[in-house]
PDB file of N, CA and C in Angstrom:
ATOM      1  N   UNK A   1     -41.913 -19.217 -13.303  1.00  0.00           N
ATOM      2  CA  UNK A   1     -42.511 -17.910 -13.150  1.00  0.00           C
ATOM      3  C   UNK A   1     -43.532 -17.997 -12.024  1.00  0.00           C
ATOM      4  N   UNK A   2     -43.508 -17.014 -11.143  1.00  0.00           N
ATOM      5  CA  UNK A   2     -44.450 -16.965 -10.026  1.00  0.00           C
ATOM      6  C   UNK A   2     -44.787 -15.517  -9.711  1.00  0.00           C
ATOM      7  N   UNK A   3     -45.987 -15.298  -9.246  1.00  0.00           N
ATOM      8  CA  UNK A   3     -46.427 -13.971  -8.826  1.00  0.00           C
ATOM      9  C   UNK A   3     -46.056 -13.789  -7.360  1.00  0.00           C
ATOM     10  N   UNK A   4     -45.381 -12.684  -7.045  1.00  0.00           N
ATOM     11  CA  UNK A   4     -44.977 -12.387  -5.674  1.00  0.00           C
ATOM     12  C   UNK A   4     -45.482 -10.989  -5.320  1.00  0.00           C
ATOM     13  N   UNK A   5     -45.410 -10.614  -4.037  1.00  0.00           N
ATOM     14  CA  UNK A   5     -45.810  -9.250  -3.661  1.00  0.00           C
ATOM     15  C   UNK A   5     -44.967  -8.163  -4.337  1.00  0.00           C
ATOM     16  N   UNK A   6     -43.743  -8.522  -4.772  1.00  0.00           N
ATOM     17  CA  UNK A   6     -42.852  -7.552  -5.409  1.00  0.00           C
ATOM     18  C   UNK A   6     -42.991  -7.508  -6.927  1.00  0.00           C
ATOM     19  N   UNK A   7     -43.731  -8.429  -7.478  1.00  0.00           N
ATOM     20  CA  UNK A   7     -43.874  -8.482  -8.930  1.00  0.00           C
ATOM     21  C   UNK A   7     -43.897  -9.915  -9.411  1.00  0.00           C
ATOM     22  N   UNK A   8     -43.442 -10.130 -10.599  1.00  0.00           N
ATOM     23  CA  UNK A   8     -43.396 -11.471 -11.172  1.00  0.00           C
ATOM     24  C   UNK A   8     -41.975 -11.998 -11.052  1.00  0.00           C
ATOM     25  N   UNK A   9     -41.869 -13.214 -10.565  1.00  0.00           N
ATOM     26  CA  UNK A   9     -40.556 -13.839 -10.414  1.00  0.00           C
ATOM     27  C   UNK A   9     -40.208 -14.605 -11.683  1.00  0.00           C
ATOM     28  N   UNK A  10     -39.072 -14.274 -12.271  1.00  0.00           N
ATOM     29  CA  UNK A  10     -38.560 -14.961 -13.454  1.00  0.00           C
ATOM     30  C   UNK A  10     -37.096 -15.262 -13.199  1.00  0.00           C
ATOM     31  N   UNK A  11     -36.692 -16.475 -13.487  1.00  0.00           N
ATOM     32  CA  UNK A  11     -35.313 -16.902 -13.270  1.00  0.00           C
ATOM     33  C   UNK A  11     -34.892 -16.703 -11.818  1.00  0.00           C
ATOM     34  N   UNK A  12     -35.803 -16.939 -10.884  1.00  0.00           N
ATOM     35  CA  UNK A  12     -35.488 -16.851  -9.469  1.00  0.00           C
ATOM     36  C   UNK A  12     -35.405 -15.451  -8.902  1.00  0.00           C
ATOM     37  N   UNK A  13     -35.757 -14.446  -9.700  1.00  0.00           N
ATOM     38  CA  UNK A  13     -35.668 -13.069  -9.229  1.00  0.00           C
ATOM     39  C   UNK A  13     -37.010 -12.373  -9.395  1.00  0.00           C
ATOM     40  N   UNK A  14     -37.515 -11.824  -8.292  1.00  0.00           N
ATOM     41  CA  UNK A  14     -38.771 -11.080  -8.340  1.00  0.00           C
ATOM     42  C   UNK A  14     -38.492  -9.654  -8.791  1.00  0.00           C
ATOM     43  N   UNK A  15     -39.225  -9.216  -9.780  1.00  0.00           N
ATOM     44  CA  UNK A  15     -39.048  -7.857 -10.300  1.00  0.00           C
ATOM     45  C   UNK A  15     -40.405  -7.240 -10.566  1.00  0.00           C
ATOM     46  N   UNK A  16     -40.420  -5.947 -10.477  1.00  0.00           N
ATOM     47  CA  UNK A  16     -41.565  -5.206 -10.972  1.00  0.00           C
ATOM     48  C   UNK A  16     -41.276  -4.950 -12.449  1.00  0.00           C
ATOM     49  N   UNK A  17     -42.072  -5.528 -13.314  1.00  0.00           N
ATOM     50  CA  UNK A  17     -41.863  -5.376 -14.751  1.00  0.00           C
ATOM     51  C   UNK A  17     -42.572  -4.118 -15.197  1.00  0.00           C
ATOM     52  N   UNK A  18     -41.804  -3.231 -15.811  1.00  0.00           N
ATOM     53  CA  UNK A  18     -42.277  -1.907 -16.186  1.00  0.00           C
ATOM     54  C   UNK A  18     -41.897  -1.666 -17.637  1.00  0.00           C
ATOM     55  N   UNK A  19     -42.870  -1.380 -18.470  1.00  0.00           N
ATOM     56  CA  UNK A  19     -42.544  -1.170 -19.874  1.00  0.00           C
ATOM     57  C   UNK A  19     -43.703  -0.600 -20.653  1.00  0.00           C
ATOM     58  N   UNK A  20     -43.640  -0.813 -21.945  1.00  0.00           N
ATOM     59  CA  UNK A  20     -44.676  -0.282 -22.814  1.00  0.00           C
ATOM     60  C   UNK A  20     -44.725  -1.032 -24.132  1.00  0.00           C
ATOM     61  N   UNK A  21     -45.716  -0.705 -24.897  1.00  0.00           N
ATOM     62  CA  UNK A  21     -45.965  -1.317 -26.199  1.00  0.00           C
ATOM     63  C   UNK A  21     -45.135  -0.628 -27.275  1.00  0.00           C
ATOM     64  N   UNK A  22     -44.483  -1.423 -28.098  1.00  0.00           N
ATOM     65  CA  UNK A  22     -43.792  -0.902 -29.278  1.00  0.00           C
ATOM     66  C   UNK A  22     -44.266  -1.721 -30.465  1.00  0.00           C
ATOM     67  N   UNK A  23     -44.945  -1.089 -31.358  1.00  0.00           N
ATOM     68  CA  UNK A  23     -45.400  -1.764 -32.573  1.00  0.00           C
ATOM     69  C   UNK A  23     -44.320  -1.542 -33.633  1.00  0.00           C
ATOM     70  N   UNK A  24     -43.382  -2.494 -33.670  1.00  0.00           N
ATOM     71  CA  UNK A  24     -42.195  -2.360 -34.514  1.00  0.00           C
ATOM     72  C   UNK A  24     -42.534  -2.071 -35.969  1.00  0.00           C
ATOM     73  N   UNK A  25     -43.642  -2.562 -36.430  1.00  0.00           N
ATOM     74  CA  UNK A  25     -44.040  -2.368 -37.830  1.00  0.00           C
ATOM     75  C   UNK A  25     -44.546  -0.950 -38.095  1.00  0.00           C
ATOM     76  N   UNK A  26     -44.799  -0.195 -37.055  1.00  0.00           N
ATOM     77  CA  UNK A  26     -45.194   1.212 -37.210  1.00  0.00           C
ATOM     78  C   UNK A  26     -44.020   2.168 -37.006  1.00  0.00           C
ATOM     79  N   UNK A  27     -42.968   1.704 -36.334  1.00  0.00           N
ATOM     80  CA  UNK A  27     -41.765   2.508 -36.114  1.00  0.00           C
ATOM     81  C   UNK A  27     -40.824   2.196 -37.268  1.00  0.00           C
ATOM     82  N   UNK A  28     -40.823   3.044 -38.270  1.00  0.00           N
ATOM     83  CA  UNK A  28     -39.998   2.770 -39.450  1.00  0.00           C
ATOM     84  C   UNK A  28     -39.662   4.071 -40.169  1.00  0.00           C
ATOM     85  N   UNK A  29     -38.610   3.991 -40.979  1.00  0.00           N
ATOM     86  CA  UNK A  29     -38.231   5.131 -41.810  1.00  0.00           C
ATOM     87  C   UNK A  29     -39.325   5.369 -42.845  1.00  0.00           C
ATOM     88  N   UNK A  30     -39.551   6.615 -43.188  1.00  0.00           N
ATOM     89  CA  UNK A  30     -40.596   6.944 -44.175  1.00  0.00           C
ATOM     90  C   UNK A  30     -40.411   6.208 -45.498  1.00  0.00           C
ATOM     91  N   UNK A  31     -39.149   6.049 -45.901  1.00  0.00           N
ATOM     92  CA  UNK A  31     -38.872   5.372 -47.171  1.00  0.00           C
ATOM     93  C   UNK A  31     -38.711   3.853 -46.986  1.00  0.00           C
ATOM     94  N   UNK A  32     -38.969   3.375 -45.783  1.00  0.00           N
ATOM     95  CA  UNK A  32     -38.881   1.952 -45.434  1.00  0.00           C
ATOM     96  C   UNK A  32     -37.468   1.388 -45.592  1.00  0.00           C
ATOM     97  N   UNK A  33     -36.487   2.240 -45.429  1.00  0.00           N
ATOM     98  CA  UNK A  33     -35.094   1.782 -45.469  1.00  0.00           C
ATOM     99  C   UNK A  33     -34.826   0.927 -44.232  1.00  0.00           C
ATOM    100  N   UNK A  34     -34.357  -0.312 -44.419  1.00  0.00           N
ATOM    101  CA  UNK A  34     -34.126  -1.190 -43.272  1.00  0.00           C
ATOM    102  C   UNK A  34     -33.132  -0.645 -42.256  1.00  0.00           C
ATOM    103  N   UNK A  35     -32.019  -0.089 -42.701  1.00  0.00           N
ATOM    104  CA  UNK A  35     -31.016   0.414 -41.756  1.00  0.00           C
ATOM    105  C   UNK A  35     -31.565   1.555 -40.908  1.00  0.00           C
ATOM    106  N   UNK A  36     -32.248   2.495 -41.540  1.00  0.00           N
ATOM    107  CA  UNK A  36     -32.832   3.614 -40.785  1.00  0.00           C
ATOM    108  C   UNK A  36     -33.977   3.136 -39.890  1.00  0.00           C
ATOM    109  N   UNK A  37     -34.713   2.142 -40.357  1.00  0.00           N
ATOM    110  CA  UNK A  37     -35.785   1.577 -39.533  1.00  0.00           C
ATOM    111  C   UNK A  37     -35.204   0.900 -38.296  1.00  0.00           C
ATOM    112  N   UNK A  38     -34.159   0.100 -38.479  1.00  0.00           N
ATOM    113  CA  UNK A  38     -33.545  -0.573 -37.338  1.00  0.00           C
ATOM    114  C   UNK A  38     -32.934   0.437 -36.370  1.00  0.00           C
ATOM    115  N   UNK A  39     -32.402   1.538 -36.902  1.00  0.00           N
ATOM    116  CA  UNK A  39     -31.877   2.610 -36.043  1.00  0.00           C
ATOM    117  C   UNK A  39     -33.010   3.257 -35.255  1.00  0.00           C
ATOM    118  N   UNK A  40     -34.170   3.415 -35.865  1.00  0.00           N
ATOM    119  CA  UNK A  40     -35.332   3.985 -35.167  1.00  0.00           C
ATOM    120  C   UNK A  40     -35.804   3.037 -34.073  1.00  0.00           C
ATOM    121  N   UNK A  41     -35.784   1.740 -34.351  1.00  0.00           N
ATOM    122  CA  UNK A  41     -36.127   0.769 -33.311  1.00  0.00           C
ATOM    123  C   UNK A  41     -35.155   0.897 -32.142  1.00  0.00           C
ATOM    124  N   UNK A  42     -33.857   0.930 -32.452  1.00  0.00           N
ATOM    125  CA  UNK A  42     -32.833   1.022 -31.407  1.00  0.00           C
ATOM    126  C   UNK A  42     -33.014   2.287 -30.577  1.00  0.00           C
ATOM    127  N   UNK A  43     -33.291   3.409 -31.245  1.00  0.00           N
ATOM    128  CA  UNK A  43     -33.495   4.670 -30.540  1.00  0.00           C
ATOM    129  C   UNK A  43     -34.709   4.578 -29.608  1.00  0.00           C
ATOM    130  N   UNK A  44     -35.784   4.012 -30.084  1.00  0.00           N
ATOM    131  CA  UNK A  44     -36.987   3.852 -29.261  1.00  0.00           C
ATOM    132  C   UNK A  44     -36.696   2.998 -28.038  1.00  0.00           C
ATOM    133  N   UNK A  45     -36.004   1.892 -28.247  1.00  0.00           N
ATOM    134  CA  UNK A  45     -35.678   0.996 -27.139  1.00  0.00           C
ATOM    135  C   UNK A  45     -34.692   1.639 -26.168  1.00  0.00           C
ATOM    136  N   UNK A  46     -33.743   2.412 -26.681  1.00  0.00           N
ATOM    137  CA  UNK A  46     -32.803   3.140 -25.811  1.00  0.00           C
ATOM    138  C   UNK A  46     -33.549   4.138 -24.939  1.00  0.00           C
ATOM    139  N   UNK A  47     -34.533   4.792 -25.489  1.00  0.00           N
ATOM    140  CA  UNK A  47     -35.326   5.753 -24.705  1.00  0.00           C
ATOM    141  C   UNK A  47     -36.127   5.049 -23.617  1.00  0.00           C
ATOM    142  N   UNK A  48     -36.622   3.867 -23.948  1.00  0.00           N
ATOM    143  CA  UNK A  48     -37.346   3.091 -22.939  1.00  0.00           C
ATOM    144  C   UNK A  48     -36.421   2.713 -21.790  1.00  0.00           C
ATOM    145  N   UNK A  49     -35.209   2.254 -22.115  1.00  0.00           N
ATOM    146  CA  UNK A  49     -34.248   1.900 -21.063  1.00  0.00           C
ATOM    147  C   UNK A  49     -33.884   3.123 -20.236  1.00  0.00           C
ATOM    148  N   UNK A  50     -33.704   4.264 -20.889  1.00  0.00           N
ATOM    149  CA  UNK A  50     -33.363   5.500 -20.174  1.00  0.00           C
ATOM    150  C   UNK A  50     -34.482   5.907 -19.215  1.00  0.00           C
ATOM    151  N   UNK A  51     -35.702   5.518 -19.528  1.00  0.00           N
ATOM    152  CA  UNK A  51     -36.845   5.822 -18.662  1.00  0.00           C
ATOM    153  C   UNK A  51     -37.020   4.766 -17.563  1.00  0.00           C
ATOM    154  N   UNK A  52     -36.106   3.799 -17.529  1.00  0.00           N
ATOM    155  CA  UNK A  52     -36.142   2.783 -16.482  1.00  0.00           C
ATOM    156  C   UNK A  52     -36.981   1.561 -16.813  1.00  0.00           C
ATOM    157  N   UNK A  53     -37.397   1.441 -18.038  1.00  0.00           N
ATOM    158  CA  UNK A  53     -38.229   0.298 -18.413  1.00  0.00           C
ATOM    159  C   UNK A  53     -37.384  -0.952 -18.618  1.00  0.00           C
ATOM    160  N   UNK A  54     -38.014  -2.102 -18.373  1.00  0.00           N
ATOM    161  CA  UNK A  54     -37.331  -3.377 -18.540  1.00  0.00           C
ATOM    162  C   UNK A  54     -38.173  -4.385 -19.339  1.00  0.00           C
ATOM    163  N   UNK A  55     -39.258  -3.918 -19.931  1.00  0.00           N
ATOM    164  CA  UNK A  55     -40.193  -4.793 -20.627  1.00  0.00           C
ATOM    165  C   UNK A  55     -40.760  -4.107 -21.863  1.00  0.00           C
ATOM    166  N   UNK A  56     -40.892  -4.873 -22.937  1.00  0.00           N
ATOM    167  CA  UNK A  56     -41.520  -4.393 -24.172  1.00  0.00           C
ATOM    168  C   UNK A  56     -42.628  -5.374 -24.520  1.00  0.00           C
ATOM    169  N   UNK A  57     -43.776  -4.851 -24.886  1.00  0.00           N
ATOM    170  CA  UNK A  57     -44.827  -5.708 -25.420  1.00  0.00           C
ATOM    171  C   UNK A  57     -45.051  -5.337 -26.876  1.00  0.00           C
ATOM    172  N   UNK A  58     -45.371  -6.333 -27.667  1.00  0.00           N
ATOM    173  CA  UNK A  58     -45.668  -6.122 -29.080  1.00  0.00           C
ATOM    174  C   UNK A  58     -46.511  -7.282 -29.563  1.00  0.00           C
ATOM    175  N   UNK A  59     -46.995  -7.180 -30.742  1.00  0.00           N
ATOM    176  CA  UNK A  59     -47.642  -8.323 -31.373  1.00  0.00           C
ATOM    177  C   UNK A  59     -47.187  -8.382 -32.817  1.00  0.00           C
ATOM    178  N   UNK A  60     -47.396  -9.536 -33.425  1.00  0.00           N
ATOM    179  CA  UNK A  60     -46.928  -9.785 -34.787  1.00  0.00           C
ATOM    180  C   UNK A  60     -48.158  -9.845 -35.698  1.00  0.00           C
ATOM    181  N   UNK A  61     -48.402  -8.786 -36.461  1.00  0.00           N
ATOM    182  CA  UNK A  61     -49.580  -8.777 -37.334  1.00  0.00           C
ATOM    183  C   UNK A  61     -49.327  -9.568 -38.621  1.00  0.00           C
ATOM    184  N   UNK A  62     -50.059 -10.639 -38.793  1.00  0.00           N
ATOM    185  CA  UNK A  62     -49.834 -11.482 -39.968  1.00  0.00           C
ATOM    186  C   UNK A  62     -49.969 -10.707 -41.269  1.00  0.00           C
ATOM    187  N   UNK A  63     -50.909  -9.787 -41.340  1.00  0.00           N
ATOM    188  CA  UNK A  63     -51.100  -9.072 -42.609  1.00  0.00           C
ATOM    189  C   UNK A  63     -49.886  -8.225 -42.992  1.00  0.00           C
ATOM    190  N   UNK A  64     -49.023  -7.929 -42.032  1.00  0.00           N
ATOM    191  CA  UNK A  64     -47.797  -7.185 -42.322  1.00  0.00           C
ATOM    192  C   UNK A  64     -46.719  -8.107 -42.894  1.00  0.00           C
ATOM    193  N   UNK A  65     -46.740  -9.352 -42.465  1.00  0.00           N
ATOM    194  CA  UNK A  65     -45.716 -10.309 -42.879  1.00  0.00           C
ATOM    195  C   UNK A  65     -46.164 -11.217 -44.015  1.00  0.00           C
ATOM    196  N   UNK A  66     -47.445 -11.450 -44.135  1.00  0.00           N
ATOM    197  CA  UNK A  66     -47.971 -12.314 -45.195  1.00  0.00           C
ATOM    198  C   UNK A  66     -48.754 -11.441 -46.175  1.00  0.00           C
ATOM    199  N   UNK A  67     -48.015 -10.806 -47.084  1.00  0.00           N
ATOM    200  CA  UNK A  67     -48.638  -9.890 -48.034  1.00  0.00           C
ATOM    201  C   UNK A  67     -49.430 -10.635 -49.109  1.00  0.00           C
ATOM    202  N   UNK A  68     -49.037 -11.865 -49.337  1.00  0.00           N
ATOM    203  CA  UNK A  68     -49.689 -12.725 -50.320  1.00  0.00           C
ATOM    204  C   UNK A  68     -49.872 -14.088 -49.652  1.00  0.00           C
ATOM    205  N   UNK A  69     -51.009 -14.692 -49.829  1.00  0.00           N
ATOM    206  CA  UNK A  69     -51.303 -15.952 -49.146  1.00  0.00           C
ATOM    207  C   UNK A  69     -50.148 -16.955 -49.295  1.00  0.00           C
ATOM    208  N   UNK A  70     -49.628 -17.382 -48.140  1.00  0.00           N
ATOM    209  CA  UNK A  70     -48.562 -18.375 -48.121  1.00  0.00           C
ATOM    210  C   UNK A  70     -47.167 -17.841 -48.382  1.00  0.00           C
ATOM    211  N   UNK A  71     -47.031 -16.543 -48.643  1.00  0.00           N
ATOM    212  CA  UNK A  71     -45.719 -15.939 -48.891  1.00  0.00           C
ATOM    213  C   UNK A  71     -45.438 -14.960 -47.751  1.00  0.00           C
ATOM    214  N   UNK A  72     -44.456 -15.311 -46.929  1.00  0.00           N
ATOM    215  CA  UNK A  72     -44.152 -14.514 -45.744  1.00  0.00           C
ATOM    216  C   UNK A  72     -42.893 -13.693 -45.957  1.00  0.00           C
ATOM    217  N   UNK A  73     -42.878 -12.523 -45.335  1.00  0.00           N
ATOM    218  CA  UNK A  73     -41.727 -11.630 -45.399  1.00  0.00           C
ATOM    219  C   UNK A  73     -41.230 -11.387 -43.977  1.00  0.00           C
ATOM    220  N   UNK A  74     -39.973 -11.718 -43.722  1.00  0.00           N
ATOM    221  CA  UNK A  74     -39.383 -11.555 -42.396  1.00  0.00           C
ATOM    222  C   UNK A  74     -38.056 -10.803 -42.467  1.00  0.00           C
ATOM    223  N   UNK A  75     -37.865 -10.001 -43.496  1.00  0.00           N
ATOM    224  CA  UNK A  75     -36.594  -9.295 -43.650  1.00  0.00           C
ATOM    225  C   UNK A  75     -36.834  -7.788 -43.655  1.00  0.00           C
ATOM    226  N   UNK A  76     -35.738  -7.041 -43.719  1.00  0.00           N
ATOM    227  CA  UNK A  76     -35.832  -5.578 -43.819  1.00  0.00           C
ATOM    228  C   UNK A  76     -36.647  -4.968 -42.697  1.00  0.00           C
ATOM    229  N   UNK A  77     -37.652  -4.173 -43.058  1.00  0.00           N
ATOM    230  CA  UNK A  77     -38.484  -3.505 -42.057  1.00  0.00           C
ATOM    231  C   UNK A  77     -39.444  -4.479 -41.372  1.00  0.00           C
ATOM    232  N   UNK A  78     -39.501  -5.716 -41.853  1.00  0.00           N
ATOM    233  CA  UNK A  78     -40.356  -6.745 -41.263  1.00  0.00           C
ATOM    234  C   UNK A  78     -39.534  -7.781 -40.489  1.00  0.00           C
ATOM    235  N   UNK A  79     -38.291  -7.447 -40.157  1.00  0.00           N
ATOM    236  CA  UNK A  79     -37.387  -8.377 -39.489  1.00  0.00           C
ATOM    237  C   UNK A  79     -37.642  -8.380 -37.983  1.00  0.00           C
ATOM    238  N   UNK A  80     -38.673  -9.091 -37.583  1.00  0.00           N
ATOM    239  CA  UNK A  80     -39.056  -9.125 -36.174  1.00  0.00           C
ATOM    240  C   UNK A  80     -37.971  -9.786 -35.323  1.00  0.00           C
ATOM    241  N   UNK A  81     -37.224 -10.719 -35.894  1.00  0.00           N
ATOM    242  CA  UNK A  81     -36.123 -11.335 -35.159  1.00  0.00           C
ATOM    243  C   UNK A  81     -35.069 -10.286 -34.802  1.00  0.00           C
ATOM    244  N   UNK A  82     -34.796  -9.366 -35.707  1.00  0.00           N
ATOM    245  CA  UNK A  82     -33.855  -8.267 -35.436  1.00  0.00           C
ATOM    246  C   UNK A  82     -34.398  -7.372 -34.323  1.00  0.00           C
ATOM    247  N   UNK A  83     -35.703  -7.088 -34.366  1.00  0.00           N
ATOM    248  CA  UNK A  83     -36.314  -6.280 -33.308  1.00  0.00           C
ATOM    249  C   UNK A  83     -36.143  -6.956 -31.949  1.00  0.00           C
ATOM    250  N   UNK A  84     -36.409  -8.259 -31.890  1.00  0.00           N
ATOM    251  CA  UNK A  84     -36.249  -8.992 -30.630  1.00  0.00           C
ATOM    252  C   UNK A  84     -34.790  -8.980 -30.173  1.00  0.00           C
ATOM    253  N   UNK A  85     -33.855  -9.095 -31.110  1.00  0.00           N
ATOM    254  CA  UNK A  85     -32.427  -9.062 -30.767  1.00  0.00           C
ATOM    255  C   UNK A  85     -32.044  -7.702 -30.186  1.00  0.00           C
ATOM    256  N   UNK A  86     -32.562  -6.627 -30.763  1.00  0.00           N
ATOM    257  CA  UNK A  86     -32.278  -5.285 -30.231  1.00  0.00           C
ATOM    258  C   UNK A  86     -32.821  -5.152 -28.812  1.00  0.00           C
ATOM    259  N   UNK A  87     -33.973  -5.723 -28.561  1.00  0.00           N
ATOM    260  CA  UNK A  87     -34.539  -5.716 -27.201  1.00  0.00           C
ATOM    261  C   UNK A  87     -33.609  -6.450 -26.248  1.00  0.00           C
ATOM    262  N   UNK A  88     -33.191  -7.644 -26.648  1.00  0.00           N
ATOM    263  CA  UNK A  88     -32.319  -8.465 -25.795  1.00  0.00           C
ATOM    264  C   UNK A  88     -30.983  -7.772 -25.511  1.00  0.00           C
ATOM    265  N   UNK A  89     -30.423  -7.112 -26.529  1.00  0.00           N
ATOM    266  CA  UNK A  89     -29.158  -6.393 -26.345  1.00  0.00           C
ATOM    267  C   UNK A  89     -29.275  -5.326 -25.282  1.00  0.00           C
ATOM    268  N   UNK A  90     -30.459  -4.824 -25.049  1.00  0.00           N
ATOM    269  CA  UNK A  90     -30.682  -3.764 -24.078  1.00  0.00           C
ATOM    270  C   UNK A  90     -31.236  -4.282 -22.759  1.00  0.00           C
ATOM    271  N   UNK A  91     -31.326  -5.595 -22.641  1.00  0.00           N
ATOM    272  CA  UNK A  91     -31.836  -6.184 -21.407  1.00  0.00           C
ATOM    273  C   UNK A  91     -33.336  -6.050 -21.237  1.00  0.00           C
ATOM    274  N   UNK A  92     -34.042  -5.823 -22.325  1.00  0.00           N
ATOM    275  CA  UNK A  92     -35.488  -5.705 -22.271  1.00  0.00           C
ATOM    276  C   UNK A  92     -36.136  -7.061 -22.525  1.00  0.00           C
ATOM    277  N   UNK A  93     -36.997  -7.476 -21.637  1.00  0.00           N
ATOM    278  CA  UNK A  93     -37.789  -8.694 -21.845  1.00  0.00           C
ATOM    279  C   UNK A  93     -38.909  -8.341 -22.817  1.00  0.00           C
ATOM    280  N   UNK A  94     -39.390  -9.335 -23.544  1.00  0.00           N
ATOM    281  CA  UNK A  94     -40.429  -9.107 -24.547  1.00  0.00           C
ATOM    282  C   UNK A  94     -41.608 -10.025 -24.293  1.00  0.00           C
ATOM    283  N   UNK A  95     -42.786  -9.452 -24.331  1.00  0.00           N
ATOM    284  CA  UNK A  95     -44.027 -10.213 -24.387  1.00  0.00           C
ATOM    285  C   UNK A  95     -44.584  -9.982 -25.766  1.00  0.00           C
ATOM    286  N   UNK A  96     -44.648 -11.051 -26.548  1.00  0.00           N
ATOM    287  CA  UNK A  96     -45.141 -10.937 -27.934  1.00  0.00           C
ATOM    288  C   UNK A  96     -46.424 -11.732 -28.079  1.00  0.00           C
TER     289      UNK A  96
END
């Protein structure tokens, strides 16, 4: 990775990285249904791509995943790996 006049170079290609923040844990179905939540994530990411974005930033809030000390939840509406996969499927780079 290198900084160039055209942007940041990654994998030998200089690009202007353009994107926005998506807090995946806030984008969810009201009833917390995983399928509808994942569809909402996909829709949000599709809209970002349609706007010409190529980058997503997010963070992983421990209190969302560790509801009880030492017990972590990474499934359903807390499936951050699925969120990252949806980003990758759309060619969006992620800064987490």
